[in-house]
Amino acid sequence: MVLLAELFAMVLALTEIDKPGEFWNQLAFISLFVQWVVLGTAATLCFCKRWLNRLSSTVAAFAVLGLTLLITLLFSIAGWWFLEPRPDLLGNPAPLVPLLVRNLAIAGIVTLIALRYFYVQHHWKRNVEAEARARLQALQARIHPHFLFNALNTIASLIHGQPERAEQAVLDLADMLRSALAYQERITLEAELELTRRYLAIESLRLGERLRVDWQLDEDLPLDLPTPALLLQPLVENAIHHGIQRLPEGGVLTIRIERQPRALRVTVANPRPADSDATIKPGQRIAQHNIRQRLQLAYNIPNPLEITETPERYQIGFAIPIADQQPAVVS
């Protein structure tokens, strides 16, 4: 606000100078006045925000406009009195009228432009959030038919020979379906890890020794940290579907979560098949775009996903900002 106000003051100073040598004096006086008006308006709006939030959009806009004009009027009178003190100002305010009309007109126009900008930005942000929420629900409801059929067939094959493992697989699948139908926008890091572990348990029954998981978790992870739902599991699913399951010998899926001073660094890496230069299937891109957009909205990160590709390996990572809190112990 200070920077924009100073740029605006510079524009006003450029329009009022008659001699080049007067520019700096004009800029100093105009900057002083504009900064007081801008900072005074900002402080007043922050003080009145609870009251303004209870009003409708139209009434709140008129209230903001009225407060801005009132503050401009008060500072205009104070500035006139400071620069040209006149005892008869109240009795003969005619010399002050042109200045007040000009200042109020400029303040009103600038305020209306700012309100229009914030209104458009607010609706654009709401539309983006609604789209991200819809994509999250679609991602949560997306249980791939091939995964569901493979899981049921695996469970059926275990019922007679290994009923205990079949029962555990049914429980894992039930928990996954419950998470898919919950439509929670945020869950704890512990819940995300548990969901990923249950998914891997089901896939391990199907792939057997071809799927080897290397968990690299720091001991001081904040397991109660709220995170956007379904950040890790879709990336693990992509790593298995597009990498390990396409390799006859399988491979090692590496999941690393590292605690840094102000963030958690999450990395998922998997080996790639020989034909990895072929066109990537749409499902992988959809999940990545979904996660990228939700991370941008949640943490205001311009480019949250970091992808590293080599002929033999595919790695994707992102960071989750954390506040100072007591860490929980990873079990």
C-alpha atoms as a PDB file:
ATOM      1  CA  MET A   1       0.000   0.000   0.000  1.00  0.00           C
ATOM      2  CA  VAL A   2       2.835   2.397   0.808  1.00  0.00           C
ATOM      3  CA  LEU A   3       4.527   1.653  -2.511  1.00  0.00           C
ATOM      4  CA  LEU A   4       1.327   2.052  -4.551  1.00  0.00           C
ATOM      5  CA  ALA A   5       0.480   5.252  -2.690  1.00  0.00           C
ATOM      6  CA  GLU A   6       3.920   6.666  -3.439  1.00  0.00           C
ATOM      7  CA  LEU A   7       3.587   5.830  -7.132  1.00  0.00           C
ATOM      8  CA  PHE A   8       0.199   7.540  -7.168  1.00  0.00           C
ATOM      9  CA  ALA A   9       1.691  10.590  -5.438  1.00  0.00           C
ATOM     10  CA  MET A  10       4.412  10.712  -8.086  1.00  0.00           C
ATOM     11  CA  VAL A  11       1.780  10.748 -10.828  1.00  0.00           C
ATOM     12  CA  LEU A  12      -0.067  13.606  -9.111  1.00  0.00           C
ATOM     13  CA  ALA A  13       3.193  15.533  -8.673  1.00  0.00           C
ATOM     14  CA  LEU A  14       4.013  15.160 -12.351  1.00  0.00           C
ATOM     15  CA  THR A  15       0.640  16.596 -13.349  1.00  0.00           C
ATOM     16  CA  GLU A  16       0.943  19.691 -11.122  1.00  0.00           C
ATOM     17  CA  ILE A  17       4.470  20.991 -11.704  1.00  0.00           C
ATOM     18  CA  ASP A  18       4.962  24.121 -13.781  1.00  0.00           C
ATOM     19  CA  LYS A  19       8.727  24.264 -13.365  1.00  0.00           C
ATOM     20  CA  PRO A  20      11.076  21.252 -13.248  1.00  0.00           C
ATOM     21  CA  GLY A  21      12.663  22.531 -10.037  1.00  0.00           C
ATOM     22  CA  GLU A  22       9.340  22.382  -8.199  1.00  0.00           C
ATOM     23  CA  PHE A  23       8.876  18.634  -8.690  1.00  0.00           C
ATOM     24  CA  TRP A  24      10.569  17.446  -5.519  1.00  0.00           C
ATOM     25  CA  ASN A  25       8.763  19.961  -3.320  1.00  0.00           C
ATOM     26  CA  GLN A  26       5.430  18.989  -4.833  1.00  0.00           C
ATOM     27  CA  LEU A  27       6.240  15.295  -4.467  1.00  0.00           C
ATOM     28  CA  ALA A  28       7.142  15.745  -0.796  1.00  0.00           C
ATOM     29  CA  PHE A  29       3.870  17.515   0.102  1.00  0.00           C
ATOM     30  CA  ILE A  30       1.678  15.215  -2.003  1.00  0.00           C
ATOM     31  CA  SER A  31       3.400  12.077  -0.679  1.00  0.00           C
ATOM     32  CA  LEU A  32       2.878  13.195   2.892  1.00  0.00           C
ATOM     33  CA  PHE A  33      -0.810  13.819   2.294  1.00  0.00           C
ATOM     34  CA  VAL A  34      -1.440  10.621   0.255  1.00  0.00           C
ATOM     35  CA  GLN A  35       0.406   8.385   2.720  1.00  0.00           C
ATOM     36  CA  TRP A  36      -1.569   9.777   5.670  1.00  0.00           C
ATOM     37  CA  VAL A  37      -4.839   9.216   3.809  1.00  0.00           C
ATOM     38  CA  VAL A  38      -3.933   5.683   2.701  1.00  0.00           C
ATOM     39  CA  LEU A  39      -2.584   4.531   6.058  1.00  0.00           C
ATOM     40  CA  GLY A  40      -5.415   6.212   7.940  1.00  0.00           C
ATOM     41  CA  THR A  41      -8.001   4.535   5.704  1.00  0.00           C
ATOM     42  CA  ALA A  42      -6.298   1.142   6.085  1.00  0.00           C
ATOM     43  CA  ALA A  43      -6.207   1.467   9.883  1.00  0.00           C
ATOM     44  CA  THR A  44      -9.869   2.510  10.005  1.00  0.00           C
ATOM     45  CA  LEU A  45     -10.997  -0.356   7.761  1.00  0.00           C
ATOM     46  CA  CYS A  46      -9.021  -2.868   9.824  1.00  0.00           C
ATOM     47  CA  PHE A  47     -10.601  -1.481  12.992  1.00  0.00           C
ATOM     48  CA  CYS A  48     -14.104  -1.735  11.460  1.00  0.00           C
ATOM     49  CA  LYS A  49     -13.660  -5.078   9.668  1.00  0.00           C
ATOM     50  CA  ARG A  50     -15.892  -7.046  12.049  1.00  0.00           C
ATOM     51  CA  TRP A  51     -18.713  -4.595  11.473  1.00  0.00           C
ATOM     52  CA  LEU A  52     -18.111  -4.514   7.715  1.00  0.00           C
ATOM     53  CA  ASN A  53     -18.116  -8.328   7.494  1.00  0.00           C
ATOM     54  CA  ARG A  54     -21.687  -8.407   8.771  1.00  0.00           C
ATOM     55  CA  LEU A  55     -22.899  -6.187   5.906  1.00  0.00           C
ATOM     56  CA  SER A  56     -23.880  -7.222   2.403  1.00  0.00           C
ATOM     57  CA  SER A  57     -21.413  -6.605  -0.422  1.00  0.00           C
ATOM     58  CA  THR A  58     -23.222  -3.514  -1.722  1.00  0.00           C
ATOM     59  CA  VAL A  59     -23.701  -1.904   1.709  1.00  0.00           C
ATOM     60  CA  ALA A  60     -20.101  -2.714   2.677  1.00  0.00           C
ATOM     61  CA  ALA A  61     -18.831  -1.098  -0.541  1.00  0.00           C
ATOM     62  CA  PHE A  62     -20.748   2.122   0.201  1.00  0.00           C
ATOM     63  CA  ALA A  63     -19.517   2.024   3.813  1.00  0.00           C
ATOM     64  CA  VAL A  64     -15.896   1.688   2.669  1.00  0.00           C
ATOM     65  CA  LEU A  65     -16.390   4.512   0.173  1.00  0.00           C
ATOM     66  CA  GLY A  66     -17.935   6.722   2.858  1.00  0.00           C
ATOM     67  CA  LEU A  67     -15.148   6.046   5.363  1.00  0.00           C
ATOM     68  CA  THR A  68     -12.495   6.769   2.733  1.00  0.00           C
ATOM     69  CA  LEU A  69     -14.125  10.065   1.765  1.00  0.00           C
ATOM     70  CA  LEU A  70     -14.509  11.057   5.414  1.00  0.00           C
ATOM     71  CA  ILE A  71     -10.827  10.405   6.152  1.00  0.00           C
ATOM     72  CA  THR A  72      -9.818  12.262   2.986  1.00  0.00           C
ATOM     73  CA  LEU A  73     -11.966  15.210   4.026  1.00  0.00           C
ATOM     74  CA  LEU A  74     -10.435  15.347   7.509  1.00  0.00           C
ATOM     75  CA  PHE A  75      -6.850  15.155   6.272  1.00  0.00           C
ATOM     76  CA  SER A  76      -7.565  17.718   3.558  1.00  0.00           C
ATOM     77  CA  ILE A  77      -8.826  20.206   6.127  1.00  0.00           C
ATOM     78  CA  ALA A  78      -5.896  19.436   8.436  1.00  0.00           C
ATOM     79  CA  GLY A  79      -3.397  19.815   5.599  1.00  0.00           C
ATOM     80  CA  TRP A  80      -4.892  23.142   4.498  1.00  0.00           C
ATOM     81  CA  TRP A  81      -4.837  24.409   8.075  1.00  0.00           C
ATOM     82  CA  PHE A  82      -1.191  23.330   8.470  1.00  0.00           C
ATOM     83  CA  LEU A  83       0.036  24.909   5.228  1.00  0.00           C
ATOM     84  CA  GLU A  84      -2.127  28.041   5.217  1.00  0.00           C
ATOM     85  CA  PRO A  85      -3.517  28.624   8.714  1.00  0.00           C
ATOM     86  CA  ARG A  86      -6.423  31.082   8.609  1.00  0.00           C
ATOM     87  CA  PRO A  87      -8.472  32.044  11.643  1.00  0.00           C
ATOM     88  CA  ASP A  88     -11.523  32.856   9.504  1.00  0.00           C
ATOM     89  CA  LEU A  89     -11.629  29.398   7.814  1.00  0.00           C
ATOM     90  CA  LEU A  90     -14.898  28.379   9.458  1.00  0.00           C
ATOM     91  CA  GLY A  91     -16.545  31.680   8.599  1.00  0.00           C
ATOM     92  CA  ASN A  92     -15.298  31.805   5.017  1.00  0.00           C
ATOM     93  CA  PRO A  93     -14.513  28.287   3.712  1.00  0.00           C
ATOM     94  CA  ALA A  94     -14.757  29.306   0.039  1.00  0.00           C
ATOM     95  CA  PRO A  95     -10.994  29.082  -0.676  1.00  0.00           C
ATOM     96  CA  LEU A  96     -10.997  25.496   0.662  1.00  0.00           C
ATOM     97  CA  VAL A  97     -13.918  24.226  -1.447  1.00  0.00           C
ATOM     98  CA  PRO A  98     -11.990  23.596  -4.734  1.00  0.00           C
ATOM     99  CA  LEU A  99      -9.309  21.647  -2.871  1.00  0.00           C
ATOM    100  CA  LEU A 100     -11.885  19.521  -1.046  1.00  0.00           C
ATOM    101  CA  VAL A 101     -13.853  18.795  -4.218  1.00  0.00           C
ATOM    102  CA  ARG A 102     -10.707  17.733  -6.075  1.00  0.00           C
ATOM    103  CA  ASN A 103      -9.375  15.539  -3.262  1.00  0.00           C
ATOM    104  CA  LEU A 104     -12.748  13.884  -2.645  1.00  0.00           C
ATOM    105  CA  ALA A 105     -13.253  13.224  -6.359  1.00  0.00           C
ATOM    106  CA  ILE A 106      -9.809  11.612  -6.688  1.00  0.00           C
ATOM    107  CA  ALA A 107     -10.281   9.561  -3.515  1.00  0.00           C
ATOM    108  CA  GLY A 108     -13.739   8.399  -4.631  1.00  0.00           C
ATOM    109  CA  ILE A 109     -12.571   7.325  -8.088  1.00  0.00           C
ATOM    110  CA  VAL A 110      -9.511   5.484  -6.753  1.00  0.00           C
ATOM    111  CA  THR A 111     -11.597   3.774  -4.049  1.00  0.00           C
ATOM    112  CA  LEU A 112     -14.215   2.585  -6.550  1.00  0.00           C
ATOM    113  CA  ILE A 113     -11.491   1.209  -8.836  1.00  0.00           C
ATOM    114  CA  ALA A 114      -9.887  -0.605  -5.885  1.00  0.00           C
ATOM    115  CA  LEU A 115     -13.244  -2.020  -4.757  1.00  0.00           C
ATOM    116  CA  ARG A 116     -13.972  -3.254  -8.262  1.00  0.00           C
ATOM    117  CA  TYR A 117     -10.542  -4.914  -8.427  1.00  0.00           C
ATOM    118  CA  PHE A 118     -10.994  -6.642  -5.062  1.00  0.00           C
ATOM    119  CA  TYR A 119     -14.513  -7.751  -6.040  1.00  0.00           C
ATOM    120  CA  VAL A 120     -13.304  -9.355  -9.276  1.00  0.00           C
ATOM    121  CA  GLN A 121     -10.309 -10.925  -7.513  1.00  0.00           C
ATOM    122  CA  HIS A 122     -12.542 -12.311  -4.765  1.00  0.00           C
ATOM    123  CA  HIS A 123     -14.924 -13.959  -7.242  1.00  0.00           C
ATOM    124  CA  TRP A 124     -12.034 -15.326  -9.289  1.00  0.00           C
ATOM    125  CA  LYS A 125     -10.500 -16.842  -6.149  1.00  0.00           C
ATOM    126  CA  ARG A 126     -13.855 -18.358  -5.143  1.00  0.00           C
ATOM    127  CA  ASN A 127     -14.220 -19.916  -8.596  1.00  0.00           C
ATOM    128  CA  VAL A 128     -10.709 -21.364  -8.420  1.00  0.00           C
ATOM    129  CA  GLU A 129     -11.356 -22.758  -4.931  1.00  0.00           C
ATOM    130  CA  ALA A 130     -14.668 -24.263  -6.072  1.00  0.00           C
ATOM    131  CA  GLU A 131     -12.923 -25.897  -9.023  1.00  0.00           C
ATOM    132  CA  ALA A 132     -10.172 -27.260  -6.772  1.00  0.00           C
ATOM    133  CA  ARG A 133     -12.783 -28.555  -4.317  1.00  0.00           C
ATOM    134  CA  ALA A 134     -14.641 -30.283  -7.143  1.00  0.00           C
ATOM    135  CA  ARG A 135     -11.405 -31.840  -8.367  1.00  0.00           C
ATOM    136  CA  LEU A 136     -10.616 -33.016  -4.849  1.00  0.00           C
ATOM    137  CA  GLN A 137     -14.018 -34.684  -4.573  1.00  0.00           C
ATOM    138  CA  ALA A 138     -13.491 -36.292  -7.959  1.00  0.00           C
ATOM    139  CA  LEU A 139     -10.066 -37.496  -6.842  1.00  0.00           C
ATOM    140  CA  GLN A 140     -11.486 -38.864  -3.593  1.00  0.00           C
ATOM    141  CA  ALA A 141     -14.304 -40.628  -5.415  1.00  0.00           C
ATOM    142  CA  ARG A 142     -11.934 -42.024  -8.020  1.00  0.00           C
ATOM    143  CA  ILE A 143     -11.416 -45.695  -7.231  1.00  0.00           C
ATOM    144  CA  HIS A 144      -9.912 -47.136 -10.374  1.00  0.00           C
ATOM    145  CA  PRO A 145     -11.920 -50.155 -11.599  1.00  0.00           C
ATOM    146  CA  HIS A 146      -8.749 -52.071 -12.318  1.00  0.00           C
ATOM    147  CA  PHE A 147      -7.532 -51.509  -8.741  1.00  0.00           C
ATOM    148  CA  LEU A 148     -10.882 -52.509  -7.244  1.00  0.00           C
ATOM    149  CA  PHE A 149     -11.175 -55.650  -9.387  1.00  0.00           C
ATOM    150  CA  ASN A 150      -7.575 -56.651  -8.682  1.00  0.00           C
ATOM    151  CA  ALA A 151      -8.072 -56.123  -4.951  1.00  0.00           C
ATOM    152  CA  LEU A 152     -11.238 -58.233  -4.894  1.00  0.00           C
ATOM    153  CA  ASN A 153      -9.607 -60.994  -6.922  1.00  0.00           C
ATOM    154  CA  THR A 154      -6.599 -60.975  -4.588  1.00  0.00           C
ATOM    155  CA  ILE A 155      -8.863 -61.193  -1.547  1.00  0.00           C
ATOM    156  CA  ALA A 156     -10.814 -64.069  -3.130  1.00  0.00           C
ATOM    157  CA  SER A 157      -7.599 -65.992  -3.764  1.00  0.00           C
ATOM    158  CA  LEU A 158      -6.539 -65.596  -0.115  1.00  0.00           C
ATOM    159  CA  ILE A 159      -9.798 -66.617   1.531  1.00  0.00           C
ATOM    160  CA  HIS A 160      -9.158 -70.393   1.576  1.00  0.00           C
ATOM    161  CA  GLY A 161      -5.396 -70.507   2.080  1.00  0.00           C
ATOM    162  CA  GLN A 162      -4.731 -67.364   4.135  1.00  0.00           C
ATOM    163  CA  PRO A 163      -7.983 -66.157   5.712  1.00  0.00           C
ATOM    164  CA  GLU A 164      -6.212 -63.806   8.127  1.00  0.00           C
ATOM    165  CA  ARG A 165      -4.513 -61.910   5.310  1.00  0.00           C
ATOM    166  CA  ALA A 166      -7.774 -61.859   3.357  1.00  0.00           C
ATOM    167  CA  GLU A 167      -9.581 -60.362   6.349  1.00  0.00           C
ATOM    168  CA  GLN A 168      -6.903 -57.687   6.769  1.00  0.00           C
ATOM    169  CA  ALA A 169      -7.101 -56.869   3.059  1.00  0.00           C
ATOM    170  CA  VAL A 170     -10.868 -56.414   3.349  1.00  0.00           C
ATOM    171  CA  LEU A 171     -10.362 -54.052   6.293  1.00  0.00           C
ATOM    172  CA  ASP A 172      -7.745 -52.074   4.371  1.00  0.00           C
ATOM    173  CA  LEU A 173     -10.032 -51.796   1.364  1.00  0.00           C
ATOM    174  CA  ALA A 174     -12.941 -50.711   3.573  1.00  0.00           C
ATOM    175  CA  ASP A 175     -10.815 -47.957   5.131  1.00  0.00           C
ATOM    176  CA  MET A 176      -9.794 -46.742   1.686  1.00  0.00           C
ATOM    177  CA  LEU A 177     -13.407 -46.616   0.519  1.00  0.00           C
ATOM    178  CA  ARG A 178     -14.372 -44.798   3.717  1.00  0.00           C
ATOM    179  CA  SER A 179     -11.690 -42.181   3.084  1.00  0.00           C
ATOM    180  CA  ALA A 180     -12.816 -41.829  -0.523  1.00  0.00           C
ATOM    181  CA  LEU A 181     -16.384 -41.061   0.576  1.00  0.00           C
ATOM    182  CA  ALA A 182     -15.464 -38.737   3.448  1.00  0.00           C
ATOM    183  CA  TYR A 183     -14.824 -35.628   1.264  1.00  0.00           C
ATOM    184  CA  GLN A 184     -12.523 -34.049   3.838  1.00  0.00           C
ATOM    185  CA  GLU A 185     -10.498 -31.132   2.530  1.00  0.00           C
ATOM    186  CA  ARG A 186      -7.861 -31.448   5.261  1.00  0.00           C
ATOM    187  CA  ILE A 187      -6.589 -34.390   7.239  1.00  0.00           C
ATOM    188  CA  THR A 188      -3.607 -34.896   9.517  1.00  0.00           C
ATOM    189  CA  LEU A 189      -0.268 -36.096   8.246  1.00  0.00           C
ATOM    190  CA  GLU A 190      -0.731 -39.280  10.277  1.00  0.00           C
ATOM    191  CA  ALA A 191      -4.054 -40.017   8.533  1.00  0.00           C
ATOM    192  CA  GLU A 192      -2.460 -39.464   5.118  1.00  0.00           C
ATOM    193  CA  LEU A 193       0.384 -41.834   5.957  1.00  0.00           C
ATOM    194  CA  GLU A 194      -2.048 -44.464   7.268  1.00  0.00           C
ATOM    195  CA  LEU A 195      -4.153 -44.240   4.104  1.00  0.00           C
ATOM    196  CA  THR A 196      -1.034 -44.671   1.975  1.00  0.00           C
ATOM    197  CA  ARG A 197       0.100 -47.660   4.043  1.00  0.00           C
ATOM    198  CA  ARG A 198      -3.268 -49.382   3.594  1.00  0.00           C
ATOM    199  CA  TYR A 199      -3.150 -48.777  -0.138  1.00  0.00           C
ATOM    200  CA  LEU A 200       0.351 -50.232  -0.303  1.00  0.00           C
ATOM    201  CA  ALA A 201      -0.732 -53.239   1.759  1.00  0.00           C
ATOM    202  CA  ILE A 202      -3.400 -54.095  -0.815  1.00  0.00           C
ATOM    203  CA  GLU A 203      -1.034 -53.554  -3.741  1.00  0.00           C
ATOM    204  CA  SER A 204       1.619 -55.708  -2.023  1.00  0.00           C
ATOM    205  CA  LEU A 205      -0.798 -58.636  -1.977  1.00  0.00           C
ATOM    206  CA  ARG A 206      -1.194 -58.290  -5.736  1.00  0.00           C
ATOM    207  CA  LEU A 207       2.380 -57.540  -6.764  1.00  0.00           C
ATOM    208  CA  GLY A 208       4.121 -59.604  -4.094  1.00  0.00           C
ATOM    209  CA  GLU A 209       7.904 -59.271  -4.060  1.00  0.00           C
ATOM    210  CA  ARG A 210       7.828 -57.068  -7.134  1.00  0.00           C
ATOM    211  CA  LEU A 211       6.782 -54.159  -4.915  1.00  0.00           C
ATOM    212  CA  ARG A 212       9.354 -53.108  -2.345  1.00  0.00           C
ATOM    213  CA  VAL A 213       8.716 -49.963  -0.333  1.00  0.00           C
ATOM    214  CA  ASP A 214      11.483 -47.925   1.250  1.00  0.00           C
ATOM    215  CA  TRP A 215       9.981 -45.620   3.893  1.00  0.00           C
ATOM    216  CA  GLN A 216      12.395 -42.832   4.862  1.00  0.00           C
ATOM    217  CA  LEU A 217      10.599 -40.854   7.565  1.00  0.00           C
ATOM    218  CA  ASP A 218      12.307 -38.465   9.964  1.00  0.00           C
ATOM    219  CA  GLU A 219      11.694 -39.254  13.614  1.00  0.00           C
ATOM    220  CA  ASP A 220      10.417 -35.780  14.537  1.00  0.00           C
ATOM    221  CA  LEU A 221       7.576 -35.474  12.018  1.00  0.00           C
ATOM    222  CA  PRO A 222       4.538 -33.464  13.211  1.00  0.00           C
ATOM    223  CA  LEU A 223       1.944 -36.186  12.711  1.00  0.00           C
ATOM    224  CA  ASP A 224      -0.886 -33.899  13.846  1.00  0.00           C
ATOM    225  CA  LEU A 225      -0.106 -31.314  11.145  1.00  0.00           C
ATOM    226  CA  PRO A 226      -3.240 -30.549   9.048  1.00  0.00           C
ATOM    227  CA  THR A 227      -2.572 -31.064   5.344  1.00  0.00           C
ATOM    228  CA  PRO A 228      -4.735 -31.057   2.203  1.00  0.00           C
ATOM    229  CA  ALA A 229      -6.255 -34.510   1.790  1.00  0.00           C
ATOM    230  CA  LEU A 230      -4.865 -37.006  -0.709  1.00  0.00           C
ATOM    231  CA  LEU A 231      -1.442 -35.523  -1.415  1.00  0.00           C
ATOM    232  CA  LEU A 232       0.718 -38.623  -0.968  1.00  0.00           C
ATOM    233  CA  GLN A 233      -1.534 -41.557  -1.911  1.00  0.00           C
ATOM    234  CA  PRO A 234      -2.231 -40.422  -5.530  1.00  0.00           C
ATOM    235  CA  LEU A 235       1.495 -39.943  -6.158  1.00  0.00           C
ATOM    236  CA  VAL A 236       2.223 -43.415  -4.765  1.00  0.00           C
ATOM    237  CA  GLU A 237      -0.544 -44.834  -6.952  1.00  0.00           C
ATOM    238  CA  ASN A 238       0.984 -43.173 -10.027  1.00  0.00           C
ATOM    239  CA  ALA A 239       4.432 -44.500  -9.142  1.00  0.00           C
ATOM    240  CA  ILE A 240       3.081 -48.075  -8.979  1.00  0.00           C
ATOM    241  CA  HIS A 241       0.736 -47.864 -11.962  1.00  0.00           C
ATOM    242  CA  HIS A 242       3.126 -46.074 -14.357  1.00  0.00           C
ATOM    243  CA  GLY A 243       6.410 -47.434 -13.042  1.00  0.00           C
ATOM    244  CA  ILE A 244       6.789 -50.510 -10.880  1.00  0.00           C
ATOM    245  CA  GLN A 245       3.912 -52.616 -12.195  1.00  0.00           C
ATOM    246  CA  ARG A 246       5.185 -52.160 -15.777  1.00  0.00           C
ATOM    247  CA  LEU A 247       8.552 -53.652 -14.828  1.00  0.00           C
ATOM    248  CA  PRO A 248       8.721 -57.500 -14.916  1.00  0.00           C
ATOM    249  CA  GLU A 249      11.135 -57.528 -11.990  1.00  0.00           C
ATOM    250  CA  GLY A 250       9.335 -54.750 -10.105  1.00  0.00           C
ATOM    251  CA  GLY A 251      11.306 -52.189  -8.183  1.00  0.00           C
ATOM    252  CA  VAL A 252      11.754 -50.127  -5.062  1.00  0.00           C
ATOM    253  CA  LEU A 253       9.272 -47.373  -4.295  1.00  0.00           C
ATOM    254  CA  THR A 254      10.969 -44.701  -2.173  1.00  0.00           C
ATOM    255  CA  ILE A 255       8.836 -42.480   0.048  1.00  0.00           C
ATOM    256  CA  ARG A 256      10.802 -39.866   1.955  1.00  0.00           C
ATOM    257  CA  ILE A 257       9.435 -37.212   4.314  1.00  0.00           C
ATOM    258  CA  GLU A 258      12.091 -34.946   5.725  1.00  0.00           C
ATOM    259  CA  ARG A 259      11.539 -32.272   8.339  1.00  0.00           C
ATOM    260  CA  GLN A 260      13.251 -29.011   7.493  1.00  0.00           C
ATOM    261  CA  PRO A 261      13.334 -25.820   9.605  1.00  0.00           C
ATOM    262  CA  ARG A 262      10.098 -24.409   8.155  1.00  0.00           C
ATOM    263  CA  ALA A 263       8.676 -27.144   5.943  1.00  0.00           C
ATOM    264  CA  LEU A 264       8.198 -30.849   5.378  1.00  0.00           C
ATOM    265  CA  ARG A 265       9.866 -32.125   2.212  1.00  0.00           C
ATOM    266  CA  VAL A 266       7.901 -35.021   0.674  1.00  0.00           C
ATOM    267  CA  THR A 267       9.497 -37.054  -2.127  1.00  0.00           C
ATOM    268  CA  VAL A 268       8.192 -40.081  -4.052  1.00  0.00           C
ATOM    269  CA  ALA A 269      10.551 -41.880  -6.434  1.00  0.00           C
ATOM    270  CA  ASN A 270      10.156 -44.989  -8.565  1.00  0.00           C
ATOM    271  CA  PRO A 271      12.051 -46.806 -11.334  1.00  0.00           C
ATOM    272  CA  ARG A 272      10.887 -46.336 -14.918  1.00  0.00           C
ATOM    273  CA  PRO A 273      10.400 -48.937 -17.641  1.00  0.00           C
ATOM    274  CA  ALA A 274      12.427 -48.879 -20.830  1.00  0.00           C
ATOM    275  CA  ASP A 275       9.546 -47.344 -22.831  1.00  0.00           C
ATOM    276  CA  SER A 276       9.135 -44.434 -20.399  1.00  0.00           C
ATOM    277  CA  ASP A 277       9.638 -41.937 -23.212  1.00  0.00           C
ATOM    278  CA  ALA A 278       6.214 -42.841 -24.551  1.00  0.00           C
ATOM    279  CA  THR A 279       3.258 -40.568 -24.004  1.00  0.00           C
ATOM    280  CA  ILE A 280       2.263 -40.460 -20.364  1.00  0.00           C
ATOM    281  CA  LYS A 281      -1.239 -41.634 -19.682  1.00  0.00           C
ATOM    282  CA  PRO A 282      -3.736 -38.860 -18.792  1.00  0.00           C
ATOM    283  CA  GLY A 283      -4.398 -40.169 -15.270  1.00  0.00           C
ATOM    284  CA  GLN A 284      -0.929 -39.280 -14.053  1.00  0.00           C
ATOM    285  CA  ARG A 285      -1.207 -35.718 -15.303  1.00  0.00           C
ATOM    286  CA  ILE A 286      -4.681 -35.265 -13.790  1.00  0.00           C
ATOM    287  CA  ALA A 287      -3.495 -36.256 -10.319  1.00  0.00           C
ATOM    288  CA  GLN A 288      -0.429 -34.040 -10.566  1.00  0.00           C
ATOM    289  CA  HIS A 289      -2.413 -31.024 -11.790  1.00  0.00           C
ATOM    290  CA  ASN A 290      -4.911 -31.565  -8.984  1.00  0.00           C
ATOM    291  CA  ILE A 291      -2.230 -31.719  -6.299  1.00  0.00           C
ATOM    292  CA  ARG A 292      -0.375 -28.742  -7.788  1.00  0.00           C
ATOM    293  CA  GLN A 293      -3.489 -26.564  -7.767  1.00  0.00           C
ATOM    294  CA  ARG A 294      -4.501 -27.509  -4.229  1.00  0.00           C
ATOM    295  CA  LEU A 295      -0.986 -26.813  -2.917  1.00  0.00           C
ATOM    296  CA  GLN A 296      -1.012 -23.423  -4.639  1.00  0.00           C
ATOM    297  CA  LEU A 297      -4.338 -22.536  -3.035  1.00  0.00           C
ATOM    298  CA  ALA A 298      -3.450 -23.871   0.404  1.00  0.00           C
ATOM    299  CA  TYR A 299       0.049 -22.426   0.750  1.00  0.00           C
ATOM    300  CA  ASN A 300       0.341 -19.757  -1.985  1.00  0.00           C
ATOM    301  CA  ILE A 301       3.308 -21.495  -3.620  1.00  0.00           C
ATOM    302  CA  PRO A 302       3.775 -20.560  -7.317  1.00  0.00           C
ATOM    303  CA  ASN A 303       5.290 -23.873  -8.449  1.00  0.00           C
ATOM    304  CA  PRO A 304       4.899 -26.433  -5.630  1.00  0.00           C
ATOM    305  CA  LEU A 305       5.794 -29.665  -7.500  1.00  0.00           C
ATOM    306  CA  GLU A 306       9.420 -30.509  -8.257  1.00  0.00           C
ATOM    307  CA  ILE A 307       9.785 -33.236 -10.885  1.00  0.00           C
ATOM    308  CA  THR A 308      13.094 -34.914 -11.710  1.00  0.00           C
ATOM    309  CA  GLU A 309      13.194 -37.364 -14.613  1.00  0.00           C
ATOM    310  CA  THR A 310      15.961 -39.620 -15.844  1.00  0.00           C
ATOM    311  CA  PRO A 311      15.752 -42.588 -18.240  1.00  0.00           C
ATOM    312  CA  GLU A 312      15.735 -44.988 -15.257  1.00  0.00           C
ATOM    313  CA  ARG A 313      14.000 -42.996 -12.517  1.00  0.00           C
ATOM    314  CA  TYR A 314      11.043 -40.687 -11.939  1.00  0.00           C
ATOM    315  CA  GLN A 315      10.886 -38.487  -8.835  1.00  0.00           C
ATOM    316  CA  ILE A 316       8.314 -35.963  -7.686  1.00  0.00           C
ATOM    317  CA  GLY A 317       8.398 -33.867  -4.533  1.00  0.00           C
ATOM    318  CA  PHE A 318       6.769 -30.950  -2.786  1.00  0.00           C
ATOM    319  CA  ALA A 319       7.071 -28.987   0.452  1.00  0.00           C
ATOM    320  CA  ILE A 320       4.430 -28.405   3.131  1.00  0.00           C
ATOM    321  CA  PRO A 321       5.026 -25.299   5.279  1.00  0.00           C
ATOM    322  CA  ILE A 322       4.869 -25.930   9.002  1.00  0.00           C
ATOM    323  CA  ALA A 323       4.578 -23.652  12.018  1.00  0.00           C
ATOM    324  CA  ASP A 324       6.626 -24.022  15.157  1.00  0.00           C
ATOM    325  CA  GLN A 325       5.089 -26.837  17.176  1.00  0.00           C
ATOM    326  CA  GLN A 326       6.042 -29.833  19.230  1.00  0.00           C
ATOM    327  CA  PRO A 327       6.805 -32.803  16.962  1.00  0.00           C
ATOM    328  CA  ALA A 328       5.112 -36.143  17.342  1.00  0.00           C
ATOM    329  CA  VAL A 329       7.034 -39.387  17.163  1.00  0.00           C
ATOM    330  CA  VAL A 330       6.704 -41.557  14.058  1.00  0.00           C
ATOM    331  CA  SER A 331       5.790 -45.092  14.962  1.00  0.00           C
END
